[in-house]
N, C-alpha and C. Protein backbone atom coordinates (compact mmCIF):
# COMPACT_ATOMS: atom_id res chain seq x y z
N UNK A 1 -18.65 10.25 -0.02
CA UNK A 1 -17.72 10.92 -0.90
C UNK A 1 -16.71 9.93 -1.50
N UNK A 2 -16.33 8.94 -0.72
CA UNK A 2 -15.39 7.94 -1.24
C UNK A 2 -15.98 7.20 -2.43
N UNK A 3 -17.26 6.91 -2.36
CA UNK A 3 -17.91 6.19 -3.46
C UNK A 3 -17.80 6.99 -4.75
N UNK A 4 -18.05 8.29 -4.67
CA UNK A 4 -17.96 9.14 -5.86
C UNK A 4 -16.55 9.15 -6.44
N UNK A 5 -15.56 9.27 -5.56
CA UNK A 5 -14.17 9.28 -6.03
C UNK A 5 -13.81 7.96 -6.69
N UNK A 6 -14.18 6.86 -6.04
CA UNK A 6 -13.86 5.54 -6.60
C UNK A 6 -14.60 5.29 -7.91
N UNK A 7 -15.84 5.76 -8.02
CA UNK A 7 -16.59 5.59 -9.28
C UNK A 7 -15.90 6.32 -10.43
N UNK A 8 -15.42 7.52 -10.18
CA UNK A 8 -14.71 8.25 -11.23
C UNK A 8 -13.40 7.56 -11.61
N UNK A 9 -12.68 7.07 -10.61
CA UNK A 9 -11.44 6.35 -10.89
C UNK A 9 -11.74 5.11 -11.72
N UNK A 10 -12.76 4.37 -11.34
CA UNK A 10 -13.11 3.15 -12.07
C UNK A 10 -13.62 3.46 -13.48
N UNK A 11 -14.34 4.56 -13.65
CA UNK A 11 -14.83 4.94 -14.97
C UNK A 11 -13.69 5.38 -15.88
N UNK A 12 -12.69 6.01 -15.30
CA UNK A 12 -11.59 6.52 -16.10
C UNK A 12 -10.54 5.45 -16.40
N UNK A 13 -10.38 4.49 -15.52
CA UNK A 13 -9.32 3.48 -15.66
C UNK A 13 -9.32 2.74 -17.00
N UNK A 14 -10.47 2.27 -17.50
CA UNK A 14 -10.43 1.56 -18.79
C UNK A 14 -10.05 2.46 -19.97
N UNK A 15 -10.12 3.75 -19.78
CA UNK A 15 -9.80 4.70 -20.85
C UNK A 15 -8.31 5.06 -20.87
N UNK A 16 -7.55 4.44 -19.99
CA UNK A 16 -6.12 4.73 -19.92
C UNK A 16 -5.37 3.87 -20.93
N UNK A 17 -5.57 4.20 -22.18
CA UNK A 17 -4.91 3.51 -23.30
C UNK A 17 -4.15 4.59 -24.07
N UNK A 18 -2.83 4.50 -24.01
CA UNK A 18 -1.98 5.56 -24.57
C UNK A 18 -2.30 5.87 -26.02
N UNK A 19 -2.46 4.83 -26.85
CA UNK A 19 -2.70 5.08 -28.28
C UNK A 19 -4.01 5.82 -28.52
N UNK A 20 -5.03 5.53 -27.72
CA UNK A 20 -6.30 6.24 -27.86
C UNK A 20 -6.19 7.68 -27.34
N UNK A 21 -5.48 7.84 -26.24
CA UNK A 21 -5.31 9.18 -25.66
C UNK A 21 -4.51 10.09 -26.58
N UNK A 22 -3.59 9.52 -27.34
CA UNK A 22 -2.79 10.33 -28.25
C UNK A 22 -3.63 10.86 -29.41
N UNK A 23 -4.74 10.20 -29.70
CA UNK A 23 -5.66 10.68 -30.75
C UNK A 23 -6.63 11.73 -30.20
N UNK A 24 -7.19 11.43 -29.01
CA UNK A 24 -8.18 12.34 -28.43
C UNK A 24 -8.23 12.12 -26.92
N UNK A 25 -7.84 13.14 -26.18
CA UNK A 25 -7.81 13.03 -24.72
C UNK A 25 -8.84 13.94 -24.06
N UNK A 26 -9.77 14.45 -24.83
CA UNK A 26 -10.72 15.41 -24.27
C UNK A 26 -11.60 14.78 -23.17
N UNK A 27 -12.07 13.55 -23.39
CA UNK A 27 -12.88 12.88 -22.36
C UNK A 27 -12.07 12.62 -21.10
N UNK A 28 -10.84 12.16 -21.29
CA UNK A 28 -9.98 11.87 -20.14
C UNK A 28 -9.72 13.15 -19.33
N UNK A 29 -9.47 14.24 -20.02
CA UNK A 29 -9.20 15.50 -19.30
C UNK A 29 -10.45 15.99 -18.59
N UNK A 30 -11.61 15.82 -19.21
CA UNK A 30 -12.86 16.22 -18.57
C UNK A 30 -13.10 15.39 -17.31
N UNK A 31 -12.85 14.10 -17.39
CA UNK A 31 -13.02 13.24 -16.22
C UNK A 31 -12.01 13.59 -15.13
N UNK A 32 -10.81 13.94 -15.54
CA UNK A 32 -9.80 14.34 -14.58
C UNK A 32 -10.23 15.63 -13.86
N UNK A 33 -10.84 16.54 -14.57
CA UNK A 33 -11.35 17.77 -13.96
C UNK A 33 -12.44 17.45 -12.94
N UNK A 34 -13.32 16.52 -13.28
CA UNK A 34 -14.37 16.11 -12.33
C UNK A 34 -13.76 15.49 -11.09
N UNK A 35 -12.76 14.62 -11.28
CA UNK A 35 -12.09 13.99 -10.15
C UNK A 35 -11.43 15.04 -9.27
N UNK A 36 -10.75 16.00 -9.87
CA UNK A 36 -10.09 17.05 -9.11
C UNK A 36 -11.11 17.84 -8.29
N UNK A 37 -12.25 18.15 -8.89
CA UNK A 37 -13.29 18.87 -8.17
C UNK A 37 -13.84 18.09 -6.99
N UNK A 38 -14.14 16.82 -7.21
CA UNK A 38 -14.67 15.98 -6.13
C UNK A 38 -13.63 15.77 -5.03
N UNK A 39 -12.38 15.58 -5.43
CA UNK A 39 -11.32 15.39 -4.44
C UNK A 39 -11.13 16.65 -3.61
N UNK A 40 -11.19 17.81 -4.24
CA UNK A 40 -11.05 19.08 -3.52
C UNK A 40 -12.16 19.24 -2.49
N UNK A 41 -13.38 18.93 -2.88
CA UNK A 41 -14.52 19.02 -1.95
C UNK A 41 -14.35 18.03 -0.81
N UNK A 42 -13.94 16.81 -1.15
CA UNK A 42 -13.74 15.77 -0.13
C UNK A 42 -12.68 16.21 0.88
N UNK A 43 -11.58 16.73 0.40
CA UNK A 43 -10.51 17.14 1.30
C UNK A 43 -10.92 18.33 2.15
N UNK A 44 -11.68 19.24 1.58
CA UNK A 44 -12.16 20.38 2.36
C UNK A 44 -13.07 19.91 3.49
N UNK A 45 -13.91 18.93 3.22
CA UNK A 45 -14.79 18.38 4.27
C UNK A 45 -13.95 17.73 5.37
N UNK A 46 -12.93 16.99 4.97
CA UNK A 46 -12.06 16.36 5.97
C UNK A 46 -11.33 17.42 6.79
N UNK A 47 -10.76 18.42 6.11
CA UNK A 47 -9.98 19.44 6.81
C UNK A 47 -10.84 20.30 7.73
N UNK A 48 -12.08 20.57 7.33
CA UNK A 48 -12.94 21.47 8.10
C UNK A 48 -13.82 20.77 9.11
N UNK A 49 -14.05 19.48 8.94
CA UNK A 49 -14.97 18.80 9.85
C UNK A 49 -14.35 17.57 10.50
N UNK A 50 -13.86 16.65 9.71
CA UNK A 50 -13.39 15.37 10.25
C UNK A 50 -12.15 15.53 11.12
N UNK A 51 -11.08 16.08 10.57
CA UNK A 51 -9.83 16.15 11.32
C UNK A 51 -9.93 17.01 12.58
N UNK A 52 -10.60 18.17 12.52
CA UNK A 52 -10.75 18.93 13.77
C UNK A 52 -11.53 18.15 14.84
N UNK A 53 -12.52 17.41 14.42
CA UNK A 53 -13.31 16.61 15.36
C UNK A 53 -12.44 15.54 16.01
N UNK A 54 -11.65 14.86 15.19
CA UNK A 54 -10.79 13.81 15.74
C UNK A 54 -9.62 14.39 16.53
N UNK A 55 -9.12 15.54 16.11
CA UNK A 55 -8.00 16.17 16.83
C UNK A 55 -8.41 16.62 18.23
N UNK A 56 -9.70 16.86 18.43
CA UNK A 56 -10.20 17.29 19.74
C UNK A 56 -10.70 16.11 20.58
N UNK A 57 -10.55 14.92 20.07
CA UNK A 57 -11.04 13.73 20.77
C UNK A 57 -10.32 13.56 22.10
N UNK A 58 -11.02 13.01 23.09
CA UNK A 58 -10.41 12.84 24.41
C UNK A 58 -9.44 11.66 24.46
N UNK A 59 -9.44 10.80 23.46
CA UNK A 59 -8.54 9.66 23.39
C UNK A 59 -7.28 10.06 22.62
N UNK A 60 -6.13 9.96 23.28
CA UNK A 60 -4.87 10.37 22.65
C UNK A 60 -4.56 9.55 21.40
N UNK A 61 -4.90 8.27 21.40
CA UNK A 61 -4.64 7.43 20.22
C UNK A 61 -5.43 7.92 19.01
N UNK A 62 -6.64 8.34 19.23
CA UNK A 62 -7.47 8.87 18.15
C UNK A 62 -6.86 10.18 17.63
N UNK A 63 -6.42 11.03 18.53
CA UNK A 63 -5.79 12.29 18.12
C UNK A 63 -4.54 12.03 17.28
N UNK A 64 -3.70 11.10 17.71
CA UNK A 64 -2.48 10.78 16.97
C UNK A 64 -2.80 10.19 15.60
N UNK A 65 -3.81 9.34 15.54
CA UNK A 65 -4.22 8.75 14.27
C UNK A 65 -4.69 9.85 13.31
N UNK A 66 -5.47 10.78 13.81
CA UNK A 66 -5.97 11.88 12.98
C UNK A 66 -4.80 12.72 12.46
N UNK A 67 -3.83 13.01 13.32
CA UNK A 67 -2.66 13.79 12.90
C UNK A 67 -1.88 13.05 11.81
N UNK A 68 -1.72 11.74 11.99
CA UNK A 68 -0.99 10.93 11.01
C UNK A 68 -1.69 10.97 9.65
N UNK A 69 -3.00 10.77 9.64
CA UNK A 69 -3.74 10.78 8.39
C UNK A 69 -3.71 12.17 7.75
N UNK A 70 -3.81 13.19 8.55
CA UNK A 70 -3.78 14.55 8.02
C UNK A 70 -2.44 14.84 7.36
N UNK A 71 -1.34 14.45 7.99
CA UNK A 71 0.00 14.64 7.39
C UNK A 71 0.14 13.85 6.10
N UNK A 72 -0.28 12.59 6.12
CA UNK A 72 -0.16 11.74 4.93
C UNK A 72 -0.96 12.30 3.77
N UNK A 73 -2.16 12.81 4.06
CA UNK A 73 -3.00 13.31 2.99
C UNK A 73 -2.38 14.54 2.35
N UNK A 74 -1.66 15.33 3.13
CA UNK A 74 -0.97 16.48 2.56
C UNK A 74 0.01 16.06 1.48
N UNK A 75 0.68 14.94 1.67
CA UNK A 75 1.60 14.43 0.67
C UNK A 75 0.89 13.98 -0.59
N UNK A 76 -0.23 13.31 -0.41
CA UNK A 76 -1.01 12.85 -1.57
C UNK A 76 -1.59 14.04 -2.31
N UNK A 77 -2.08 15.01 -1.57
CA UNK A 77 -2.65 16.20 -2.21
C UNK A 77 -1.58 16.94 -3.00
N UNK A 78 -0.39 17.07 -2.42
CA UNK A 78 0.70 17.74 -3.14
C UNK A 78 1.06 17.01 -4.42
N UNK A 79 1.13 15.70 -4.35
CA UNK A 79 1.43 14.89 -5.54
C UNK A 79 0.33 15.04 -6.58
N UNK A 80 -0.92 15.08 -6.13
CA UNK A 80 -2.05 15.21 -7.04
C UNK A 80 -2.01 16.57 -7.74
N UNK A 81 -1.67 17.63 -7.00
CA UNK A 81 -1.59 18.96 -7.60
C UNK A 81 -0.47 19.03 -8.64
N UNK A 82 0.67 18.42 -8.34
CA UNK A 82 1.76 18.38 -9.32
C UNK A 82 1.33 17.61 -10.56
N UNK A 83 0.66 16.49 -10.34
CA UNK A 83 0.14 15.67 -11.45
C UNK A 83 -0.80 16.51 -12.32
N UNK A 84 -1.74 17.21 -11.71
CA UNK A 84 -2.67 18.05 -12.48
C UNK A 84 -1.92 19.11 -13.27
N UNK A 85 -0.88 19.66 -12.67
CA UNK A 85 -0.10 20.68 -13.34
C UNK A 85 0.62 20.17 -14.58
N UNK A 86 0.97 18.88 -14.57
CA UNK A 86 1.64 18.30 -15.74
C UNK A 86 0.66 17.96 -16.85
N UNK A 87 -0.62 17.87 -16.55
CA UNK A 87 -1.63 17.49 -17.54
C UNK A 87 -2.77 18.52 -17.55
N UNK A 88 -2.45 19.78 -17.87
CA UNK A 88 -3.46 20.83 -17.76
C UNK A 88 -4.51 20.82 -18.87
N UNK A 89 -4.19 20.18 -20.00
CA UNK A 89 -5.10 20.20 -21.14
C UNK A 89 -5.12 18.84 -21.82
N UNK A 90 -6.13 18.66 -22.66
CA UNK A 90 -6.19 17.44 -23.46
C UNK A 90 -4.98 17.34 -24.38
N UNK A 91 -4.52 18.47 -24.90
CA UNK A 91 -3.36 18.45 -25.80
C UNK A 91 -2.09 17.98 -25.07
N UNK A 92 -1.95 18.35 -23.81
CA UNK A 92 -0.79 17.89 -23.04
C UNK A 92 -0.83 16.38 -22.87
N UNK A 93 -2.02 15.85 -22.65
CA UNK A 93 -2.18 14.39 -22.51
C UNK A 93 -1.88 13.72 -23.85
N UNK A 94 -2.41 14.29 -24.94
CA UNK A 94 -2.20 13.71 -26.27
C UNK A 94 -0.72 13.68 -26.64
N UNK A 95 0.04 14.67 -26.16
CA UNK A 95 1.46 14.75 -26.50
C UNK A 95 2.28 13.65 -25.84
N UNK A 96 1.78 13.10 -24.74
CA UNK A 96 2.50 12.04 -24.03
C UNK A 96 1.49 11.10 -23.37
N UNK A 97 0.77 10.38 -24.20
CA UNK A 97 -0.26 9.47 -23.70
C UNK A 97 0.29 8.42 -22.75
N UNK A 98 1.46 7.86 -23.08
CA UNK A 98 2.04 6.82 -22.23
C UNK A 98 2.43 7.39 -20.85
N UNK A 99 2.99 8.58 -20.84
CA UNK A 99 3.35 9.21 -19.57
C UNK A 99 2.13 9.50 -18.72
N UNK A 100 1.08 9.97 -19.38
CA UNK A 100 -0.17 10.24 -18.67
C UNK A 100 -0.73 8.96 -18.07
N UNK A 101 -0.72 7.88 -18.84
CA UNK A 101 -1.24 6.61 -18.35
C UNK A 101 -0.46 6.16 -17.12
N UNK A 102 0.86 6.21 -17.21
CA UNK A 102 1.70 5.77 -16.08
C UNK A 102 1.43 6.60 -14.82
N UNK A 103 1.44 7.91 -14.98
CA UNK A 103 1.23 8.78 -13.82
C UNK A 103 -0.18 8.64 -13.26
N UNK A 104 -1.16 8.50 -14.13
CA UNK A 104 -2.53 8.38 -13.68
C UNK A 104 -2.72 7.08 -12.90
N UNK A 105 -2.14 6.01 -13.38
CA UNK A 105 -2.23 4.75 -12.63
C UNK A 105 -1.60 4.87 -11.25
N UNK A 106 -0.48 5.57 -11.16
CA UNK A 106 0.18 5.77 -9.86
C UNK A 106 -0.70 6.60 -8.92
N UNK A 107 -1.25 7.68 -9.43
CA UNK A 107 -2.12 8.53 -8.62
C UNK A 107 -3.36 7.76 -8.19
N UNK A 108 -3.96 7.01 -9.11
CA UNK A 108 -5.15 6.23 -8.77
C UNK A 108 -4.83 5.19 -7.70
N UNK A 109 -3.68 4.56 -7.79
CA UNK A 109 -3.29 3.57 -6.78
C UNK A 109 -3.14 4.24 -5.42
N UNK A 110 -2.52 5.42 -5.39
CA UNK A 110 -2.35 6.14 -4.12
C UNK A 110 -3.71 6.53 -3.54
N UNK A 111 -4.63 6.99 -4.38
CA UNK A 111 -5.95 7.38 -3.89
C UNK A 111 -6.74 6.17 -3.40
N UNK A 112 -6.67 5.06 -4.13
CA UNK A 112 -7.37 3.84 -3.69
C UNK A 112 -6.83 3.37 -2.34
N UNK A 113 -5.51 3.39 -2.19
CA UNK A 113 -4.89 2.96 -0.93
C UNK A 113 -5.33 3.88 0.20
N UNK A 114 -5.31 5.16 -0.06
CA UNK A 114 -5.71 6.13 0.96
C UNK A 114 -7.16 5.93 1.39
N UNK A 115 -8.04 5.76 0.42
CA UNK A 115 -9.46 5.55 0.73
C UNK A 115 -9.64 4.27 1.54
N UNK A 116 -8.96 3.22 1.16
CA UNK A 116 -9.06 1.95 1.89
C UNK A 116 -8.57 2.11 3.32
N UNK A 117 -7.47 2.85 3.52
CA UNK A 117 -6.94 3.07 4.87
C UNK A 117 -7.91 3.90 5.70
N UNK A 118 -8.49 4.93 5.10
CA UNK A 118 -9.46 5.75 5.84
C UNK A 118 -10.65 4.90 6.24
N UNK A 119 -11.15 4.10 5.31
CA UNK A 119 -12.32 3.27 5.60
C UNK A 119 -12.03 2.22 6.67
N UNK A 120 -10.82 1.67 6.67
CA UNK A 120 -10.49 0.59 7.60
C UNK A 120 -9.99 1.10 8.96
N UNK A 121 -9.24 2.23 8.96
CA UNK A 121 -8.60 2.65 10.20
C UNK A 121 -9.19 3.93 10.80
N UNK A 122 -9.49 4.90 9.94
CA UNK A 122 -9.86 6.20 10.46
C UNK A 122 -11.36 6.33 10.73
N UNK A 123 -12.18 5.99 9.75
CA UNK A 123 -13.61 6.20 9.91
C UNK A 123 -14.24 5.37 11.03
N UNK A 124 -13.75 4.17 11.30
CA UNK A 124 -14.31 3.45 12.45
C UNK A 124 -14.14 4.22 13.77
N UNK A 125 -13.13 5.08 13.83
CA UNK A 125 -12.93 5.89 15.04
C UNK A 125 -14.03 6.94 15.21
N UNK A 126 -14.71 7.29 14.14
CA UNK A 126 -15.80 8.26 14.26
C UNK A 126 -16.90 7.76 15.19
N UNK A 127 -17.09 6.45 15.19
CA UNK A 127 -18.11 5.87 16.07
C UNK A 127 -17.77 6.08 17.53
N UNK A 128 -16.49 6.32 17.82
CA UNK A 128 -16.06 6.52 19.20
C UNK A 128 -16.20 7.96 19.64
N UNK A 129 -16.44 8.85 18.68
CA UNK A 129 -16.52 10.29 19.00
C UNK A 129 -17.87 10.66 19.59
C-alpha cells in the first residue's frame, strides 16, 4: 500500500506548478481524489488489522510503539482531512494555485515521513509477531 501512495505522490509532485494549476486544476484534483481514496483504504487496513495485532503483542515495547504510531497517524489524518476540505474542487485549486502548491507539498512531506517511519520502525516489528 505504501508503494501506491508514494507513486501517486510522485506522479502529482511535478504538476505542482501554481501558474498551470490556476489555468486548469482538474487533473490535480482527480489525482488528489485517488490519493484520498488510497490513503483511506490504507488507514482502514492499519486500524482494523495492523494496530490491533501490535496492541495485543506480548512485548510491551511493541505495544507502546503501536500506540505511538496510532496517535501520530490520527494527527496526520486530521490534517489531511482539513487539507481536502480546503481544496474540494478544481475551481478551488485554480482560485489559489500557490496556496494549493504550498499545502500539498507540506502534506506530501508529512506522508513521506510517516511512510518512512512505518517502514523503518513499525513494520519490522511485524516479524516479531
